Structure formats: C-alpha cells, structure tokens
N, C-alpha and C. Protein backbone atom coordinates (compact mmCIF):
# COMPACT_ATOMS: atom_id res chain seq x y z
N MET A 1 76.56 81.58 134.36
CA MET A 1 77.55 80.61 133.91
C MET A 1 78.45 81.25 132.86
N PRO A 2 79.78 81.17 133.03
CA PRO A 2 80.69 81.81 132.07
C PRO A 2 80.60 81.15 130.70
N PRO A 3 80.90 81.92 129.63
CA PRO A 3 80.88 81.32 128.28
C PRO A 3 81.92 80.20 128.17
N GLU A 4 81.65 79.28 127.26
CA GLU A 4 82.54 78.12 127.10
C GLU A 4 83.93 78.54 126.63
N ARG A 5 84.00 79.53 125.76
CA ARG A 5 85.29 80.02 125.25
C ARG A 5 85.34 81.54 125.48
N PRO A 6 85.65 81.96 126.70
CA PRO A 6 85.51 83.38 127.06
C PRO A 6 86.45 84.31 126.30
N TRP A 7 87.49 83.78 125.68
CA TRP A 7 88.44 84.62 124.96
C TRP A 7 87.97 84.98 123.55
N GLU A 8 86.94 84.30 123.05
CA GLU A 8 86.52 84.54 121.66
C GLU A 8 85.77 85.86 121.54
N LYS A 9 85.98 86.50 120.39
CA LYS A 9 85.26 87.74 120.10
C LYS A 9 83.82 87.43 119.73
N PRO A 10 82.91 88.37 119.95
CA PRO A 10 81.51 88.14 119.55
C PRO A 10 81.40 87.90 118.05
N ALA A 11 80.42 87.12 117.65
CA ALA A 11 80.25 86.77 116.24
C ALA A 11 80.01 88.00 115.38
N HIS A 12 79.44 89.07 115.97
CA HIS A 12 79.12 90.26 115.19
C HIS A 12 80.27 91.26 115.10
N ALA A 13 81.39 90.96 115.77
CA ALA A 13 82.53 91.89 115.76
C ALA A 13 83.08 92.04 114.34
N ILE A 14 83.48 93.25 114.00
CA ILE A 14 84.03 93.54 112.67
C ILE A 14 85.55 93.61 112.78
N ALA A 15 86.23 92.77 112.05
CA ALA A 15 87.69 92.79 112.04
C ALA A 15 88.17 93.99 111.22
N PRO A 16 89.21 94.69 111.70
CA PRO A 16 89.68 95.87 110.96
C PRO A 16 90.07 95.58 109.52
N TRP A 17 90.62 94.38 109.26
CA TRP A 17 91.03 94.06 107.89
C TRP A 17 89.82 93.78 107.00
N ASP A 18 88.63 93.65 107.57
CA ASP A 18 87.41 93.49 106.79
C ASP A 18 86.72 94.82 106.50
N VAL A 19 87.18 95.88 107.13
CA VAL A 19 86.65 97.21 106.84
C VAL A 19 87.20 97.63 105.48
N ARG A 20 86.35 98.05 104.58
CA ARG A 20 86.78 98.29 103.20
C ARG A 20 87.46 99.64 102.98
N LYS A 21 87.48 100.47 104.00
CA LYS A 21 88.19 101.75 103.90
C LYS A 21 89.45 101.69 104.74
N PRO A 22 90.49 102.42 104.35
CA PRO A 22 91.72 102.44 105.15
C PRO A 22 91.46 103.00 106.55
N ILE A 23 92.11 102.42 107.53
CA ILE A 23 92.05 102.91 108.91
C ILE A 23 93.40 103.51 109.23
N ILE A 24 93.39 104.77 109.66
CA ILE A 24 94.62 105.52 109.92
C ILE A 24 94.75 105.75 111.42
N ALA A 25 95.90 105.40 111.98
CA ALA A 25 96.18 105.64 113.39
C ALA A 25 97.03 106.89 113.54
N ALA A 26 96.68 107.72 114.52
CA ALA A 26 97.48 108.88 114.89
C ALA A 26 97.92 108.66 116.33
N ILE A 27 99.18 108.30 116.53
CA ILE A 27 99.67 107.89 117.84
C ILE A 27 100.44 109.04 118.48
N ASN A 28 100.01 109.46 119.67
CA ASN A 28 100.75 110.50 120.40
C ASN A 28 100.88 110.10 121.85
N GLY A 29 101.89 110.64 122.51
CA GLY A 29 102.12 110.30 123.90
C GLY A 29 102.49 108.83 124.05
N PRO A 30 102.36 108.29 125.27
CA PRO A 30 102.69 106.88 125.49
C PRO A 30 101.58 105.97 124.97
N ALA A 31 101.93 105.01 124.13
CA ALA A 31 100.99 104.01 123.62
C ALA A 31 101.48 102.66 124.10
N VAL A 32 100.78 102.10 125.08
CA VAL A 32 101.18 100.81 125.64
C VAL A 32 99.97 99.88 125.66
N GLY A 33 100.21 98.60 125.83
CA GLY A 33 99.11 97.64 125.86
C GLY A 33 98.34 97.71 124.56
N VAL A 34 97.01 97.78 124.69
CA VAL A 34 96.18 97.82 123.50
C VAL A 34 96.42 99.09 122.68
N GLY A 35 96.94 100.12 123.31
CA GLY A 35 97.30 101.34 122.57
C GLY A 35 98.43 101.12 121.59
N ALA A 36 99.21 100.05 121.83
CA ALA A 36 100.29 99.68 120.90
C ALA A 36 99.86 98.58 119.96
N THR A 37 99.07 97.61 120.46
CA THR A 37 98.75 96.43 119.64
C THR A 37 97.60 96.66 118.68
N LEU A 38 96.56 97.35 119.12
CA LEU A 38 95.40 97.53 118.22
C LEU A 38 95.77 98.29 116.95
N PRO A 39 96.56 99.37 117.02
CA PRO A 39 96.93 100.05 115.77
C PRO A 39 97.69 99.17 114.78
N LEU A 40 98.31 98.08 115.25
CA LEU A 40 98.96 97.18 114.31
C LEU A 40 97.96 96.57 113.35
N GLN A 41 96.69 96.45 113.78
CA GLN A 41 95.65 95.88 112.92
C GLN A 41 95.11 96.90 111.92
N TRP A 42 95.54 98.14 112.05
CA TRP A 42 95.07 99.18 111.14
C TRP A 42 96.06 99.30 109.98
N ASP A 43 95.74 100.17 109.04
CA ASP A 43 96.46 100.15 107.76
C ASP A 43 97.65 101.09 107.70
N ILE A 44 97.50 102.27 108.26
CA ILE A 44 98.56 103.27 108.21
C ILE A 44 98.70 103.85 109.62
N ARG A 45 99.94 103.97 110.08
CA ARG A 45 100.18 104.50 111.42
C ARG A 45 101.12 105.70 111.33
N LEU A 46 100.65 106.84 111.84
CA LEU A 46 101.48 108.03 111.97
C LEU A 46 101.77 108.24 113.46
N ALA A 47 102.91 108.83 113.77
CA ALA A 47 103.25 109.08 115.17
C ALA A 47 103.71 110.51 115.35
N ALA A 48 103.33 111.08 116.49
CA ALA A 48 103.87 112.37 116.90
C ALA A 48 105.29 112.17 117.42
N GLU A 49 106.07 113.23 117.36
CA GLU A 49 107.46 113.13 117.82
C GLU A 49 107.55 112.71 119.29
N SER A 50 106.52 113.04 120.08
CA SER A 50 106.55 112.70 121.50
C SER A 50 106.06 111.28 121.78
N ALA A 51 105.61 110.57 120.78
CA ALA A 51 105.03 109.25 120.99
C ALA A 51 106.09 108.27 121.52
N ARG A 52 105.63 107.40 122.39
CA ARG A 52 106.44 106.28 122.87
C ARG A 52 105.56 105.05 122.82
N ILE A 53 106.08 103.97 122.29
CA ILE A 53 105.29 102.76 122.06
C ILE A 53 105.93 101.61 122.82
N GLY A 54 105.10 100.86 123.52
CA GLY A 54 105.63 99.74 124.29
C GLY A 54 104.69 98.55 124.33
N PHE A 55 105.23 97.38 124.02
CA PHE A 55 104.48 96.13 124.14
C PHE A 55 104.89 95.52 125.49
N VAL A 56 104.32 96.05 126.56
CA VAL A 56 104.83 95.83 127.92
C VAL A 56 104.27 94.58 128.59
N PHE A 57 103.59 93.75 127.88
CA PHE A 57 102.82 92.65 128.47
C PHE A 57 103.65 91.74 129.37
N VAL A 58 104.83 91.34 128.89
CA VAL A 58 105.63 90.41 129.69
C VAL A 58 106.11 91.06 130.98
N ARG A 59 106.11 92.38 131.05
CA ARG A 59 106.46 93.07 132.28
C ARG A 59 105.29 93.14 133.26
N ARG A 60 104.13 92.69 132.81
CA ARG A 60 102.94 92.70 133.66
C ARG A 60 102.42 91.28 133.91
N GLY A 61 103.12 90.27 133.40
CA GLY A 61 102.74 88.89 133.67
C GLY A 61 101.73 88.29 132.72
N VAL A 62 101.50 88.94 131.58
CA VAL A 62 100.59 88.39 130.56
C VAL A 62 101.34 88.30 129.24
N VAL A 63 100.66 87.87 128.20
CA VAL A 63 101.27 87.78 126.88
C VAL A 63 100.66 88.84 125.97
N PRO A 64 101.36 89.21 124.90
CA PRO A 64 100.82 90.21 123.97
C PRO A 64 99.49 89.76 123.36
N GLU A 65 98.59 90.73 123.14
CA GLU A 65 97.27 90.40 122.62
C GLU A 65 97.02 91.11 121.30
N ALA A 66 95.77 91.04 120.85
CA ALA A 66 95.32 91.72 119.63
C ALA A 66 96.14 91.32 118.40
N LEU A 67 96.50 90.05 118.33
CA LEU A 67 97.21 89.49 117.18
C LEU A 67 98.61 90.06 116.97
N SER A 68 99.16 90.69 118.01
CA SER A 68 100.46 91.34 117.83
C SER A 68 101.58 90.34 117.57
N THR A 69 101.48 89.10 118.08
CA THR A 69 102.53 88.12 117.79
C THR A 69 102.45 87.61 116.35
N TRP A 70 101.34 87.85 115.67
CA TRP A 70 101.21 87.49 114.25
C TRP A 70 101.59 88.67 113.37
N ILE A 71 101.11 89.87 113.73
CA ILE A 71 101.28 91.04 112.86
C ILE A 71 102.68 91.64 112.99
N LEU A 72 103.16 91.81 114.22
CA LEU A 72 104.41 92.55 114.41
C LEU A 72 105.59 91.91 113.68
N PRO A 73 105.80 90.57 113.71
CA PRO A 73 106.92 90.01 112.94
C PRO A 73 106.79 90.26 111.45
N ARG A 74 105.57 90.36 110.94
CA ARG A 74 105.38 90.62 109.52
C ARG A 74 105.67 92.08 109.19
N LEU A 75 105.56 92.95 110.16
CA LEU A 75 105.86 94.36 109.94
C LEU A 75 107.35 94.66 110.08
N VAL A 76 107.97 94.08 111.10
CA VAL A 76 109.32 94.51 111.44
C VAL A 76 110.36 93.40 111.36
N GLY A 77 109.93 92.16 111.12
CA GLY A 77 110.85 91.03 111.10
C GLY A 77 110.89 90.35 112.46
N MET A 78 111.29 89.09 112.46
CA MET A 78 111.27 88.29 113.68
C MET A 78 112.21 88.82 114.74
N ALA A 79 113.43 89.23 114.35
CA ALA A 79 114.41 89.67 115.34
C ALA A 79 113.93 90.91 116.08
N ARG A 80 113.42 91.89 115.34
CA ARG A 80 112.95 93.11 115.99
C ARG A 80 111.67 92.86 116.78
N ALA A 81 110.80 92.01 116.28
CA ALA A 81 109.59 91.67 117.02
C ALA A 81 109.95 91.01 118.35
N ALA A 82 110.91 90.09 118.31
CA ALA A 82 111.35 89.44 119.54
C ALA A 82 111.95 90.45 120.51
N ASP A 83 112.74 91.38 120.00
CA ASP A 83 113.30 92.45 120.83
C ASP A 83 112.19 93.20 121.56
N LEU A 84 111.16 93.57 120.84
CA LEU A 84 110.09 94.38 121.42
C LEU A 84 109.17 93.58 122.35
N LEU A 85 108.79 92.38 121.90
CA LEU A 85 107.79 91.61 122.65
C LEU A 85 108.39 90.88 123.85
N LEU A 86 109.63 90.44 123.75
CA LEU A 86 110.22 89.67 124.84
C LEU A 86 110.84 90.55 125.92
N THR A 87 111.16 91.80 125.59
CA THR A 87 111.69 92.72 126.61
C THR A 87 110.60 93.60 127.19
N GLY A 88 109.57 93.91 126.40
CA GLY A 88 108.55 94.83 126.85
C GLY A 88 109.04 96.26 126.97
N ARG A 89 110.16 96.58 126.32
CA ARG A 89 110.72 97.93 126.46
C ARG A 89 109.96 98.95 125.61
N MET A 90 110.08 100.20 125.98
CA MET A 90 109.47 101.30 125.25
C MET A 90 110.42 101.77 124.15
N VAL A 91 109.86 102.18 123.01
CA VAL A 91 110.65 102.80 121.95
C VAL A 91 110.05 104.17 121.65
N ASP A 92 110.92 105.11 121.27
CA ASP A 92 110.40 106.42 120.91
C ASP A 92 109.95 106.42 119.46
N ALA A 93 109.40 107.54 119.02
CA ALA A 93 108.80 107.61 117.68
C ALA A 93 109.83 107.34 116.59
N ARG A 94 111.04 107.85 116.76
CA ARG A 94 112.06 107.67 115.72
C ARG A 94 112.48 106.20 115.60
N GLU A 95 112.59 105.52 116.73
CA GLU A 95 112.93 104.10 116.67
C GLU A 95 111.76 103.30 116.09
N ALA A 96 110.53 103.70 116.43
CA ALA A 96 109.36 103.03 115.85
C ALA A 96 109.34 103.21 114.34
N LEU A 97 109.75 104.37 113.86
CA LEU A 97 109.84 104.61 112.42
C LEU A 97 110.94 103.75 111.80
N ALA A 98 112.09 103.69 112.45
CA ALA A 98 113.20 102.89 111.92
C ALA A 98 112.85 101.41 111.91
N PHE A 99 112.08 100.96 112.89
CA PHE A 99 111.65 99.56 112.94
C PHE A 99 110.59 99.24 111.90
N GLY A 100 109.83 100.25 111.48
CA GLY A 100 108.74 100.01 110.54
C GLY A 100 107.39 99.85 111.21
N ILE A 101 107.30 100.21 112.50
CA ILE A 101 106.00 100.16 113.19
C ILE A 101 105.10 101.28 112.69
N VAL A 102 105.67 102.45 112.45
CA VAL A 102 104.93 103.58 111.89
C VAL A 102 105.56 103.97 110.56
N SER A 103 104.80 104.67 109.74
CA SER A 103 105.32 105.06 108.42
C SER A 103 105.77 106.51 108.36
N ARG A 104 105.41 107.30 109.38
CA ARG A 104 105.75 108.71 109.35
C ARG A 104 105.76 109.26 110.77
N VAL A 105 106.71 110.16 111.06
CA VAL A 105 106.74 110.87 112.33
C VAL A 105 106.62 112.35 112.02
N VAL A 106 105.73 113.03 112.74
CA VAL A 106 105.50 114.45 112.50
C VAL A 106 105.53 115.20 113.83
N PRO A 107 105.76 116.51 113.80
CA PRO A 107 105.69 117.28 115.05
C PRO A 107 104.33 117.09 115.72
N ASP A 108 104.33 117.17 117.05
CA ASP A 108 103.11 116.89 117.80
C ASP A 108 101.91 117.68 117.30
N ALA A 109 102.10 118.98 117.07
CA ALA A 109 100.98 119.84 116.67
C ALA A 109 100.45 119.49 115.28
N GLU A 110 101.24 118.77 114.50
CA GLU A 110 100.84 118.45 113.12
C GLU A 110 100.25 117.05 112.98
N LEU A 111 100.16 116.29 114.09
CA LEU A 111 99.75 114.89 113.97
C LEU A 111 98.33 114.74 113.43
N LEU A 112 97.36 115.34 114.10
CA LEU A 112 95.98 115.18 113.62
C LEU A 112 95.77 115.83 112.25
N PRO A 113 96.28 117.05 112.01
CA PRO A 113 96.17 117.58 110.65
C PRO A 113 96.80 116.67 109.59
N ALA A 114 97.93 116.03 109.92
CA ALA A 114 98.58 115.14 108.95
C ALA A 114 97.71 113.91 108.70
N ALA A 115 97.12 113.35 109.76
CA ALA A 115 96.25 112.18 109.59
C ALA A 115 95.01 112.54 108.79
N ARG A 116 94.43 113.69 109.08
CA ARG A 116 93.24 114.12 108.33
C ARG A 116 93.59 114.42 106.88
N ALA A 117 94.75 115.03 106.64
CA ALA A 117 95.16 115.32 105.26
C ALA A 117 95.39 114.03 104.48
N LEU A 118 95.95 113.03 105.13
CA LEU A 118 96.16 111.75 104.48
C LEU A 118 94.83 111.09 104.13
N ALA A 119 93.88 111.13 105.07
CA ALA A 119 92.55 110.57 104.80
C ALA A 119 91.87 111.32 103.66
N ALA A 120 92.00 112.65 103.66
CA ALA A 120 91.39 113.46 102.60
C ALA A 120 92.03 113.16 101.25
N GLU A 121 93.35 112.96 101.23
CA GLU A 121 94.02 112.62 99.97
C GLU A 121 93.52 111.29 99.42
N ILE A 122 93.37 110.29 100.29
CA ILE A 122 92.86 109.00 99.84
C ILE A 122 91.44 109.16 99.30
N ALA A 123 90.61 109.91 100.05
CA ALA A 123 89.22 110.09 99.63
C ALA A 123 89.12 110.86 98.31
N ARG A 124 90.01 111.82 98.11
CA ARG A 124 89.94 112.68 96.93
C ARG A 124 90.59 112.06 95.70
N GLU A 125 91.70 111.37 95.89
CA GLU A 125 92.55 110.98 94.77
C GLU A 125 92.42 109.53 94.33
N THR A 126 91.82 108.68 95.15
CA THR A 126 91.85 107.25 94.84
C THR A 126 90.44 106.70 94.61
N ALA A 127 90.38 105.63 93.83
CA ALA A 127 89.10 104.97 93.55
C ALA A 127 88.74 104.07 94.74
N PRO A 128 87.57 104.26 95.35
CA PRO A 128 87.22 103.51 96.57
C PRO A 128 87.29 101.99 96.41
N VAL A 129 86.82 101.46 95.29
CA VAL A 129 86.85 100.01 95.11
C VAL A 129 88.28 99.52 94.92
N SER A 130 89.09 100.27 94.19
CA SER A 130 90.50 99.90 94.02
C SER A 130 91.22 99.87 95.37
N VAL A 131 90.92 100.85 96.22
CA VAL A 131 91.53 100.88 97.56
C VAL A 131 91.05 99.69 98.38
N ALA A 132 89.75 99.39 98.32
CA ALA A 132 89.21 98.27 99.10
C ALA A 132 89.82 96.94 98.67
N VAL A 133 89.95 96.73 97.37
CA VAL A 133 90.54 95.48 96.88
C VAL A 133 92.03 95.42 97.23
N THR A 134 92.72 96.54 97.09
CA THR A 134 94.14 96.58 97.44
C THR A 134 94.35 96.30 98.92
N LYS A 135 93.50 96.87 99.78
CA LYS A 135 93.61 96.59 101.21
C LYS A 135 93.40 95.11 101.48
N TRP A 136 92.39 94.52 100.84
CA TRP A 136 92.14 93.09 101.05
C TRP A 136 93.36 92.28 100.62
N LEU A 137 93.95 92.62 99.47
CA LEU A 137 95.12 91.89 98.98
C LEU A 137 96.30 92.02 99.96
N LEU A 138 96.51 93.22 100.48
CA LEU A 138 97.61 93.42 101.43
C LEU A 138 97.49 92.48 102.62
N TRP A 139 96.30 92.44 103.21
CA TRP A 139 96.10 91.60 104.39
C TRP A 139 96.11 90.12 104.03
N HIS A 140 95.52 89.76 102.90
CA HIS A 140 95.47 88.35 102.50
C HIS A 140 96.86 87.83 102.15
N MET A 141 97.62 88.62 101.41
CA MET A 141 98.93 88.15 100.96
C MET A 141 99.90 87.95 102.12
N ALA A 142 99.63 88.58 103.26
CA ALA A 142 100.49 88.40 104.43
C ALA A 142 100.52 86.96 104.90
N SER A 143 99.48 86.20 104.58
CA SER A 143 99.44 84.81 105.03
C SER A 143 99.35 83.81 103.87
N GLU A 144 99.46 84.29 102.64
CA GLU A 144 99.42 83.38 101.48
C GLU A 144 100.80 82.76 101.29
N THR A 145 100.88 81.47 101.41
CA THR A 145 102.17 80.78 101.29
C THR A 145 102.41 80.15 99.92
N ASP A 146 101.38 80.11 99.10
CA ASP A 146 101.49 79.50 97.78
C ASP A 146 101.77 80.61 96.76
N LEU A 147 102.99 80.66 96.24
CA LEU A 147 103.39 81.74 95.33
C LEU A 147 102.54 81.73 94.06
N ALA A 148 102.23 80.55 93.52
CA ALA A 148 101.42 80.48 92.30
C ALA A 148 100.02 81.01 92.56
N ARG A 149 99.43 80.67 93.72
CA ARG A 149 98.10 81.18 94.05
C ARG A 149 98.14 82.69 94.25
N ALA A 150 99.18 83.19 94.89
CA ALA A 150 99.32 84.64 95.08
C ALA A 150 99.42 85.34 93.72
N ASP A 151 100.21 84.78 92.82
CA ASP A 151 100.36 85.36 91.49
C ASP A 151 99.04 85.35 90.74
N ASP A 152 98.29 84.24 90.85
CA ASP A 152 97.00 84.15 90.17
C ASP A 152 96.02 85.16 90.72
N LEU A 153 95.97 85.28 92.04
CA LEU A 153 95.03 86.22 92.65
C LEU A 153 95.38 87.65 92.31
N ASP A 154 96.66 87.97 92.36
CA ASP A 154 97.12 89.30 92.00
C ASP A 154 96.74 89.64 90.55
N ALA A 155 97.01 88.71 89.63
CA ALA A 155 96.70 88.93 88.22
C ALA A 155 95.20 89.05 88.00
N ARG A 156 94.43 88.22 88.70
CA ARG A 156 92.97 88.25 88.55
C ARG A 156 92.40 89.58 89.03
N ALA A 157 92.90 90.08 90.17
CA ALA A 157 92.43 91.36 90.70
C ALA A 157 92.80 92.50 89.75
N PHE A 158 94.03 92.46 89.22
CA PHE A 158 94.46 93.51 88.29
C PHE A 158 93.60 93.47 87.03
N TRP A 159 93.37 92.27 86.49
CA TRP A 159 92.53 92.15 85.29
C TRP A 159 91.12 92.67 85.58
N TRP A 160 90.55 92.27 86.73
CA TRP A 160 89.18 92.67 87.04
C TRP A 160 89.05 94.18 87.14
N THR A 161 89.95 94.84 87.89
CA THR A 161 89.85 96.29 88.00
C THR A 161 90.04 96.97 86.65
N GLY A 162 90.87 96.36 85.79
CA GLY A 162 91.09 96.93 84.47
C GLY A 162 89.90 96.84 83.54
N THR A 163 88.87 96.08 83.92
CA THR A 163 87.66 95.98 83.09
C THR A 163 86.50 96.79 83.64
N GLN A 164 86.72 97.52 84.73
CA GLN A 164 85.63 98.22 85.41
C GLN A 164 85.54 99.69 84.99
N PRO A 165 84.38 100.33 85.25
CA PRO A 165 84.20 101.73 84.85
C PRO A 165 85.21 102.69 85.47
N ASP A 166 85.66 102.41 86.70
CA ASP A 166 86.55 103.36 87.35
C ASP A 166 87.89 103.50 86.64
N VAL A 167 88.39 102.46 85.99
CA VAL A 167 89.67 102.60 85.30
C VAL A 167 89.53 103.54 84.10
N ARG A 168 88.40 103.47 83.42
CA ARG A 168 88.18 104.39 82.30
C ARG A 168 88.07 105.83 82.81
N GLU A 169 87.37 106.01 83.92
CA GLU A 169 87.25 107.35 84.50
C GLU A 169 88.59 107.86 84.99
N GLY A 170 89.40 106.98 85.60
CA GLY A 170 90.71 107.40 86.08
C GLY A 170 91.60 107.88 84.96
N VAL A 171 91.59 107.19 83.81
CA VAL A 171 92.41 107.60 82.67
C VAL A 171 91.87 108.89 82.07
N ARG A 172 90.55 108.99 81.93
CA ARG A 172 89.96 110.21 81.36
C ARG A 172 90.27 111.43 82.23
N ALA A 173 90.13 111.26 83.54
CA ALA A 173 90.39 112.37 84.46
C ALA A 173 91.85 112.82 84.37
N PHE A 174 92.76 111.85 84.25
CA PHE A 174 94.17 112.19 84.13
C PHE A 174 94.42 112.97 82.83
N LEU A 175 93.86 112.49 81.73
CA LEU A 175 94.08 113.17 80.44
C LEU A 175 93.42 114.54 80.40
N ASP A 176 92.25 114.65 81.06
CA ASP A 176 91.53 115.93 81.08
C ASP A 176 92.05 116.88 82.15
N LYS A 177 92.99 116.41 82.98
CA LYS A 177 93.55 117.22 84.07
C LYS A 177 92.45 117.73 85.01
N ARG A 178 91.60 116.80 85.45
CA ARG A 178 90.50 117.14 86.37
C ARG A 178 90.41 116.06 87.44
N ALA A 179 89.63 116.37 88.47
CA ALA A 179 89.42 115.39 89.54
C ALA A 179 88.56 114.25 89.02
N PRO A 180 88.87 113.01 89.38
CA PRO A 180 88.04 111.88 88.92
C PRO A 180 86.69 111.85 89.61
N ARG A 181 85.70 111.32 88.91
CA ARG A 181 84.36 111.13 89.47
C ARG A 181 84.08 109.63 89.49
N TRP A 182 84.45 108.98 90.58
CA TRP A 182 84.32 107.53 90.68
C TRP A 182 82.86 107.13 90.81
N SER A 183 82.43 106.12 90.09
CA SER A 183 81.04 105.67 90.15
C SER A 183 80.87 104.38 90.96
N MET A 184 81.95 103.66 91.20
CA MET A 184 81.85 102.37 91.88
C MET A 184 81.95 102.56 93.41
N ARG A 185 81.28 101.68 94.15
CA ARG A 185 81.26 101.75 95.60
C ARG A 185 81.59 100.38 96.20
N PRO A 186 82.43 100.34 97.24
CA PRO A 186 82.76 99.06 97.87
C PRO A 186 81.55 98.33 98.44
N SER A 187 80.50 99.04 98.79
CA SER A 187 79.32 98.40 99.36
C SER A 187 78.55 97.56 98.35
N ARG A 188 78.78 97.80 97.04
CA ARG A 188 77.99 97.07 96.04
C ARG A 188 78.80 96.53 94.87
N ASP A 189 80.05 96.97 94.71
CA ASP A 189 80.77 96.68 93.47
C ASP A 189 82.07 95.89 93.64
N MET A 190 82.18 95.15 94.73
CA MET A 190 83.40 94.35 94.94
C MET A 190 83.38 93.11 94.04
N PRO A 191 84.56 92.61 93.65
CA PRO A 191 84.60 91.42 92.80
C PRO A 191 84.10 90.18 93.54
N ASP A 192 83.46 89.29 92.81
CA ASP A 192 82.87 88.11 93.46
C ASP A 192 83.89 87.05 93.81
N PHE A 193 85.14 87.17 93.35
CA PHE A 193 86.13 86.15 93.67
C PHE A 193 86.82 86.41 95.00
N LEU A 194 86.56 87.55 95.64
CA LEU A 194 87.09 87.78 96.98
C LEU A 194 86.16 87.11 97.99
N PRO A 195 86.70 86.45 99.01
CA PRO A 195 85.84 85.78 99.99
C PRO A 195 85.12 86.79 100.86
N PRO A 196 84.06 86.36 101.53
CA PRO A 196 83.36 87.27 102.44
C PRO A 196 84.24 87.60 103.64
N PRO A 197 83.87 88.62 104.43
CA PRO A 197 84.66 88.97 105.61
C PRO A 197 84.75 87.80 106.57
N SER A 198 85.80 87.80 107.40
CA SER A 198 86.03 86.70 108.30
C SER A 198 84.95 86.59 109.38
N ARG A 199 84.41 87.73 109.79
CA ARG A 199 83.28 87.72 110.72
C ARG A 199 82.60 89.06 110.65
N GLY A 200 81.30 89.07 110.90
CA GLY A 200 80.56 90.32 110.90
C GLY A 200 80.34 90.87 109.51
N ARG A 201 79.79 92.09 109.47
CA ARG A 201 79.51 92.78 108.21
C ARG A 201 80.33 94.04 108.17
N ARG A 202 80.60 94.53 106.93
CA ARG A 202 81.38 95.75 106.78
C ARG A 202 80.45 96.93 106.61
C-alpha cells in the first residue's frame, strides 16, 4: 500500500540548512534538474567556466522541485527567477554569476582546487560555532518578516558570541599574529535560543 503522503521526505532526513558546517557546491558541465535545484539549498556555489545550468522542468511536463520556487527568487529576484523557471532555458556560467546563482566562476581545471581551498580557508580561519550560528541566521532571516524580531535575534546572537571563549581567542590570535585555536564546537556549544533543526539530527 503506498504511503499516505508519498511526496514527504523521511522523518530522519537532514535538511542542508540544518547542517552546521557550510556546504560548498562545485558545478561543472551541464547541471539540470536536481543538479540545478539541490545546490540552491547549499551555502556557496562555485561554477566552472564550462558549466551550464538549467531549471528545465516545465520543458518536461513537471514543476521545479527541491524548494527552488522558494529559494531561487530570494537569490536572484522574482523577475529573474520567473525568467529561469518559466522558460526552462539553460544559462552559462557567466550568466549564472550575473544572476547571482553562483558566487564565483573559475577555469574548469581550477574548480575542485578552488572549492577545496575555500573549504580549507573556512576551516582554518573561522570559528566553527560562529560559522554555524551565522549560517543559521542566513537561512532563518530569509523568511523572517518581522523586522523587530529580526533585529532582536541578530542583536542577541551578536551579544551571545561576544561573551564566549572563541571571541577572546580570536582577538588574542589577531594581536599575537598567530592562527587561532578555537575551543568551541557546534556539536555541543550552540546557543540555547536557536530552535532545534527542522527535521533529523545534525
């Protein structure tokens, strides 16, 4: 017997915005269907010069999936999202960059090294808990419609991080001209005022 709501994700599925580390996409060649929509749920998207991206669903008789009708207008604006989703046309890497779908275009041979270097820079230079809280704020603020609540949450997060050990270490490391030694971990040191993940565990 088929499930009552066959379109729903399993309860144990982990949403990308609930993952406490940044997710980096390296897009090369043709990215269509889920190859175009799933990376929208990730945090940073790089593209090779040869990349072509297409939300081709309407050309195949279905509608866009993977939350692309929610995320894409927030990335590129309603007019450009409508252009892409209602025509199903392909765009090259430079147009994807101009639209704001990707943040960087690099030569094909440099794509994976660039993605790895970006991940290494985040791992080396940034405080893991600060990154996790910032990522949560980015995704949460995309749907926060109450400006006063957004301001309060932003101020509360800034105040909280400013009272934690990592901020003292970050300042000391900067003054000492050395690499920081972060002691806090997203698995145990997140602020209690952030809600739990939407589904699953991180």
